[in-house]
Amino acid sequence: MNAQEFVYMVQAGMPAMEAIRSATINAAKRLRIDDRLGTAKKGKLADIVAV
């Protein structure tokens, strides 16, 4: 159901990349864990889904 939130955000006018950032780097920064999560960089934890 979380994926549907992206659809709603884009339908409401949010650019698609900003919707993705809201669940990745922006969320990690808000939680103060962006040193470990939020971007795909060496030394960070990541789950990558290619579409």
PDB file of N, CA and C in Angstrom:
ATOM      1  N   MET A   1       0.810  -1.192   0.000  1.00  0.00           N
ATOM      2  CA  MET A   1       0.000   0.000   0.000  1.00  0.00           C
ATOM      3  C   MET A   1       0.856   1.259   0.000  1.00  0.00           C
ATOM      4  N   ASN A   2       2.088   1.166   0.517  1.00  0.00           N
ATOM      5  CA  ASN A   2       2.959   2.341   0.529  1.00  0.00           C
ATOM      6  C   ASN A   2       3.232   2.854  -0.875  1.00  0.00           C
ATOM      7  N   ALA A   3       3.364   1.958  -1.828  1.00  0.00           N
ATOM      8  CA  ALA A   3       3.651   2.371  -3.193  1.00  0.00           C
ATOM      9  C   ALA A   3       2.537   3.243  -3.757  1.00  0.00           C
ATOM     10  N   GLN A   4       1.316   3.034  -3.328  1.00  0.00           N
ATOM     11  CA  GLN A   4       0.192   3.845  -3.802  1.00  0.00           C
ATOM     12  C   GLN A   4       0.349   5.308  -3.388  1.00  0.00           C
ATOM     13  N   GLU A   5       1.043   5.557  -2.289  1.00  0.00           N
ATOM     14  CA  GLU A   5       1.264   6.931  -1.851  1.00  0.00           C
ATOM     15  C   GLU A   5       2.033   7.727  -2.899  1.00  0.00           C
ATOM     16  N   PHE A   6       2.965   7.068  -3.594  1.00  0.00           N
ATOM     17  CA  PHE A   6       3.719   7.752  -4.650  1.00  0.00           C
ATOM     18  C   PHE A   6       2.786   8.188  -5.773  1.00  0.00           C
ATOM     19  N   VAL A   7       1.852   7.340  -6.115  1.00  0.00           N
ATOM     20  CA  VAL A   7       0.869   7.668  -7.151  1.00  0.00           C
ATOM     21  C   VAL A   7       0.073   8.895  -6.733  1.00  0.00           C
ATOM     22  N   TYR A   8      -0.375   8.921  -5.489  1.00  0.00           N
ATOM     23  CA  TYR A   8      -1.159  10.051  -4.996  1.00  0.00           C
ATOM     24  C   TYR A   8      -0.339  11.342  -4.992  1.00  0.00           C
ATOM     25  N   MET A   9       0.914  11.248  -4.569  1.00  0.00           N
ATOM     26  CA  MET A   9       1.764  12.445  -4.536  1.00  0.00           C
ATOM     27  C   MET A   9       1.951  13.028  -5.937  1.00  0.00           C
ATOM     28  N   VAL A  10       2.208  12.155  -6.907  1.00  0.00           N
ATOM     29  CA  VAL A  10       2.408  12.617  -8.282  1.00  0.00           C
ATOM     30  C   VAL A  10       1.099  13.146  -8.857  1.00  0.00           C
ATOM     31  N   GLN A  11       0.003  12.477  -8.586  1.00  0.00           N
ATOM     32  CA  GLN A  11      -1.298  12.965  -9.058  1.00  0.00           C
ATOM     33  C   GLN A  11      -1.625  14.331  -8.467  1.00  0.00           C
ATOM     34  N   ALA A  12      -1.149  14.598  -7.272  1.00  0.00           N
ATOM     35  CA  ALA A  12      -1.401  15.881  -6.618  1.00  0.00           C
ATOM     36  C   ALA A  12      -0.468  16.980  -7.123  1.00  0.00           C
ATOM     37  N   GLY A  13       0.492  16.608  -7.984  1.00  0.00           N
ATOM     38  CA  GLY A  13       1.361  17.614  -8.583  1.00  0.00           C
ATOM     39  C   GLY A  13       2.820  17.548  -8.193  1.00  0.00           C
ATOM     40  N   MET A  14       3.197  16.640  -7.313  1.00  0.00           N
ATOM     41  CA  MET A  14       4.601  16.520  -6.928  1.00  0.00           C
ATOM     42  C   MET A  14       5.382  15.862  -8.064  1.00  0.00           C
ATOM     43  N   PRO A  15       6.531  16.413  -8.430  1.00  0.00           N
ATOM     44  CA  PRO A  15       7.359  15.752  -9.448  1.00  0.00           C
ATOM     45  C   PRO A  15       7.743  14.339  -8.986  1.00  0.00           C
ATOM     46  N   ALA A  16       7.836  13.407  -9.915  1.00  0.00           N
ATOM     47  CA  ALA A  16       8.104  12.003  -9.581  1.00  0.00           C
ATOM     48  C   ALA A  16       9.398  11.830  -8.790  1.00  0.00           C
ATOM     49  N   MET A  17      10.463  12.516  -9.175  1.00  0.00           N
ATOM     50  CA  MET A  17      11.727  12.372  -8.451  1.00  0.00           C
ATOM     51  C   MET A  17      11.619  12.900  -7.026  1.00  0.00           C
ATOM     52  N   GLU A  18      10.850  13.939  -6.813  1.00  0.00           N
ATOM     53  CA  GLU A  18      10.659  14.456  -5.456  1.00  0.00           C
ATOM     54  C   GLU A  18       9.874  13.464  -4.605  1.00  0.00           C
ATOM     55  N   ALA A  19       8.925  12.778  -5.202  1.00  0.00           N
ATOM     56  CA  ALA A  19       8.178  11.747  -4.474  1.00  0.00           C
ATOM     57  C   ALA A  19       9.116  10.624  -4.037  1.00  0.00           C
ATOM     58  N   ILE A  20      10.020  10.232  -4.912  1.00  0.00           N
ATOM     59  CA  ILE A  20      10.991   9.186  -4.557  1.00  0.00           C
ATOM     60  C   ILE A  20      11.922   9.680  -3.458  1.00  0.00           C
ATOM     61  N   ARG A  21      12.388  10.917  -3.575  1.00  0.00           N
ATOM     62  CA  ARG A  21      13.262  11.474  -2.536  1.00  0.00           C
ATOM     63  C   ARG A  21      12.561  11.535  -1.179  1.00  0.00           C
ATOM     64  N   SER A  22      11.261  11.738  -1.188  1.00  0.00           N
ATOM     65  CA  SER A  22      10.532  11.832   0.079  1.00  0.00           C
ATOM     66  C   SER A  22      10.619  10.538   0.884  1.00  0.00           C
ATOM     67  N   ALA A  23      10.828   9.419   0.210  1.00  0.00           N
ATOM     68  CA  ALA A  23      10.905   8.125   0.889  1.00  0.00           C
ATOM     69  C   ALA A  23      12.340   7.636   1.063  1.00  0.00           C
ATOM     70  N   THR A  24      13.302   8.375   0.515  1.00  0.00           N
ATOM     71  CA  THR A  24      14.692   7.920   0.596  1.00  0.00           C
ATOM     72  C   THR A  24      15.530   8.930   1.366  1.00  0.00           C
ATOM     73  N   ILE A  25      16.225   9.798   0.672  1.00  0.00           N
ATOM     74  CA  ILE A  25      17.157  10.710   1.344  1.00  0.00           C
ATOM     75  C   ILE A  25      16.455  11.671   2.293  1.00  0.00           C
ATOM     76  N   ASN A  26      15.295  12.200   1.901  1.00  0.00           N
ATOM     77  CA  ASN A  26      14.604  13.140   2.794  1.00  0.00           C
ATOM     78  C   ASN A  26      14.161  12.461   4.089  1.00  0.00           C
ATOM     79  N   ALA A  27      13.644  11.246   3.980  1.00  0.00           N
ATOM     80  CA  ALA A  27      13.225  10.503   5.172  1.00  0.00           C
ATOM     81  C   ALA A  27      14.430  10.188   6.056  1.00  0.00           C
ATOM     82  N   ALA A  28      15.530   9.770   5.453  1.00  0.00           N
ATOM     83  CA  ALA A  28      16.735   9.449   6.221  1.00  0.00           C
ATOM     84  C   ALA A  28      17.263  10.684   6.949  1.00  0.00           C
ATOM     85  N   LYS A  29      17.218  11.835   6.289  1.00  0.00           N
ATOM     86  CA  LYS A  29      17.673  13.070   6.942  1.00  0.00           C
ATOM     87  C   LYS A  29      16.780  13.425   8.127  1.00  0.00           C
ATOM     88  N   ARG A  30      15.479  13.309   7.960  1.00  0.00           N
ATOM     89  CA  ARG A  30      14.543  13.625   9.049  1.00  0.00           C
ATOM     90  C   ARG A  30      14.758  12.709  10.259  1.00  0.00           C
ATOM     91  N   LEU A  31      15.091  11.456   9.969  1.00  0.00           N
ATOM     92  CA  LEU A  31      15.323  10.491  11.047  1.00  0.00           C
ATOM     93  C   LEU A  31      16.754  10.536  11.579  1.00  0.00           C
ATOM     94  N   ARG A  32      17.567  11.388  10.972  1.00  0.00           N
ATOM     95  CA  ARG A  32      18.989  11.551  11.340  1.00  0.00           C
ATOM     96  C   ARG A  32      19.775  10.254  11.207  1.00  0.00           C
ATOM     97  N   ILE A  33      19.474   9.511  10.137  1.00  0.00           N
ATOM     98  CA  ILE A  33      20.219   8.290   9.849  1.00  0.00           C
ATOM     99  C   ILE A  33      20.793   8.324   8.438  1.00  0.00           C
ATOM    100  N   ASP A  34      20.911   9.526   7.875  1.00  0.00           N
ATOM    101  CA  ASP A  34      21.397   9.650   6.509  1.00  0.00           C
ATOM    102  C   ASP A  34      22.878   9.310   6.380  1.00  0.00           C
ATOM    103  N   ASP A  35      23.570   9.084   7.491  1.00  0.00           N
ATOM    104  CA  ASP A  35      24.943   8.604   7.418  1.00  0.00           C
ATOM    105  C   ASP A  35      24.988   7.112   7.081  1.00  0.00           C
ATOM    106  N   ARG A  36      23.847   6.409   7.251  1.00  0.00           N
ATOM    107  CA  ARG A  36      23.783   4.967   6.987  1.00  0.00           C
ATOM    108  C   ARG A  36      22.805   4.599   5.890  1.00  0.00           C
ATOM    109  N   LEU A  37      21.765   5.432   5.683  1.00  0.00           N
ATOM    110  CA  LEU A  37      20.681   5.107   4.752  1.00  0.00           C
ATOM    111  C   LEU A  37      20.325   6.323   3.896  1.00  0.00           C
ATOM    112  N   GLY A  38      19.522   6.088   2.864  1.00  0.00           N
ATOM    113  CA  GLY A  38      18.959   7.187   2.092  1.00  0.00           C
ATOM    114  C   GLY A  38      19.519   7.369   0.704  1.00  0.00           C
ATOM    115  N   THR A  39      20.752   6.918   0.504  1.00  0.00           N
ATOM    116  CA  THR A  39      21.370   7.003  -0.826  1.00  0.00           C
ATOM    117  C   THR A  39      22.164   5.726  -1.083  1.00  0.00           C
ATOM    118  N   ALA A  40      22.425   5.452  -2.339  1.00  0.00           N
ATOM    119  CA  ALA A  40      23.221   4.277  -2.702  1.00  0.00           C
ATOM    120  C   ALA A  40      24.681   4.701  -2.821  1.00  0.00           C
ATOM    121  N   LYS A  41      25.395   4.584  -1.723  1.00  0.00           N
ATOM    122  CA  LYS A  41      26.812   4.937  -1.679  1.00  0.00           C
ATOM    123  C   LYS A  41      27.583   3.859  -0.936  1.00  0.00           C
ATOM    124  N   LYS A  42      28.859   3.769  -1.219  1.00  0.00           N
ATOM    125  CA  LYS A  42      29.720   2.800  -0.564  1.00  0.00           C
ATOM    126  C   LYS A  42      29.661   2.973   0.952  1.00  0.00           C
ATOM    127  N   GLY A  43      29.436   1.868   1.645  1.00  0.00           N
ATOM    128  CA  GLY A  43      29.395   1.880   3.095  1.00  0.00           C
ATOM    129  C   GLY A  43      28.012   2.060   3.698  1.00  0.00           C
ATOM    130  N   LYS A  44      27.020   2.334   2.856  1.00  0.00           N
ATOM    131  CA  LYS A  44      25.651   2.500   3.343  1.00  0.00           C
ATOM    132  C   LYS A  44      24.839   1.246   3.081  1.00  0.00           C
ATOM    133  N   LEU A  45      23.806   1.034   3.886  1.00  0.00           N
ATOM    134  CA  LEU A  45      22.876  -0.074   3.670  1.00  0.00           C
ATOM    135  C   LEU A  45      21.935   0.300   2.541  1.00  0.00           C
ATOM    136  N   ALA A  46      21.575  -0.660   1.702  1.00  0.00           N
ATOM    137  CA  ALA A  46      20.690  -0.328   0.587  1.00  0.00           C
ATOM    138  C   ALA A  46      19.944  -1.550   0.078  1.00  0.00           C
ATOM    139  N   ASP A  47      18.701  -1.316  -0.304  1.00  0.00           N
ATOM    140  CA  ASP A  47      17.917  -2.247  -1.079  1.00  0.00           C
ATOM    141  C   ASP A  47      17.666  -1.529  -2.388  1.00  0.00           C
ATOM    142  N   ILE A  48      18.035  -2.143  -3.484  1.00  0.00           N
ATOM    143  CA  ILE A  48      17.881  -1.487  -4.785  1.00  0.00           C
ATOM    144  C   ILE A  48      16.876  -2.282  -5.618  1.00  0.00           C
ATOM    145  N   VAL A  49      15.917  -1.580  -6.140  1.00  0.00           N
ATOM    146  CA  VAL A  49      14.921  -2.181  -7.021  1.00  0.00           C
ATOM    147  C   VAL A  49      15.045  -1.496  -8.361  1.00  0.00           C
ATOM    148  N   ALA A  50      15.326  -2.255  -9.392  1.00  0.00           N
ATOM    149  CA  ALA A  50      15.421  -1.706 -10.750  1.00  0.00           C
ATOM    150  C   ALA A  50      14.133  -1.997 -11.501  1.00  0.00           C
ATOM    151  N   VAL A  51      13.595  -0.982 -12.086  1.00  0.00           N
ATOM    152  CA  VAL A  51      12.338  -1.130 -12.820  1.00  0.00           C
ATOM    153  C   VAL A  51      12.565  -0.787 -14.273  1.00  0.00           C
TER     154      VAL A  51
END
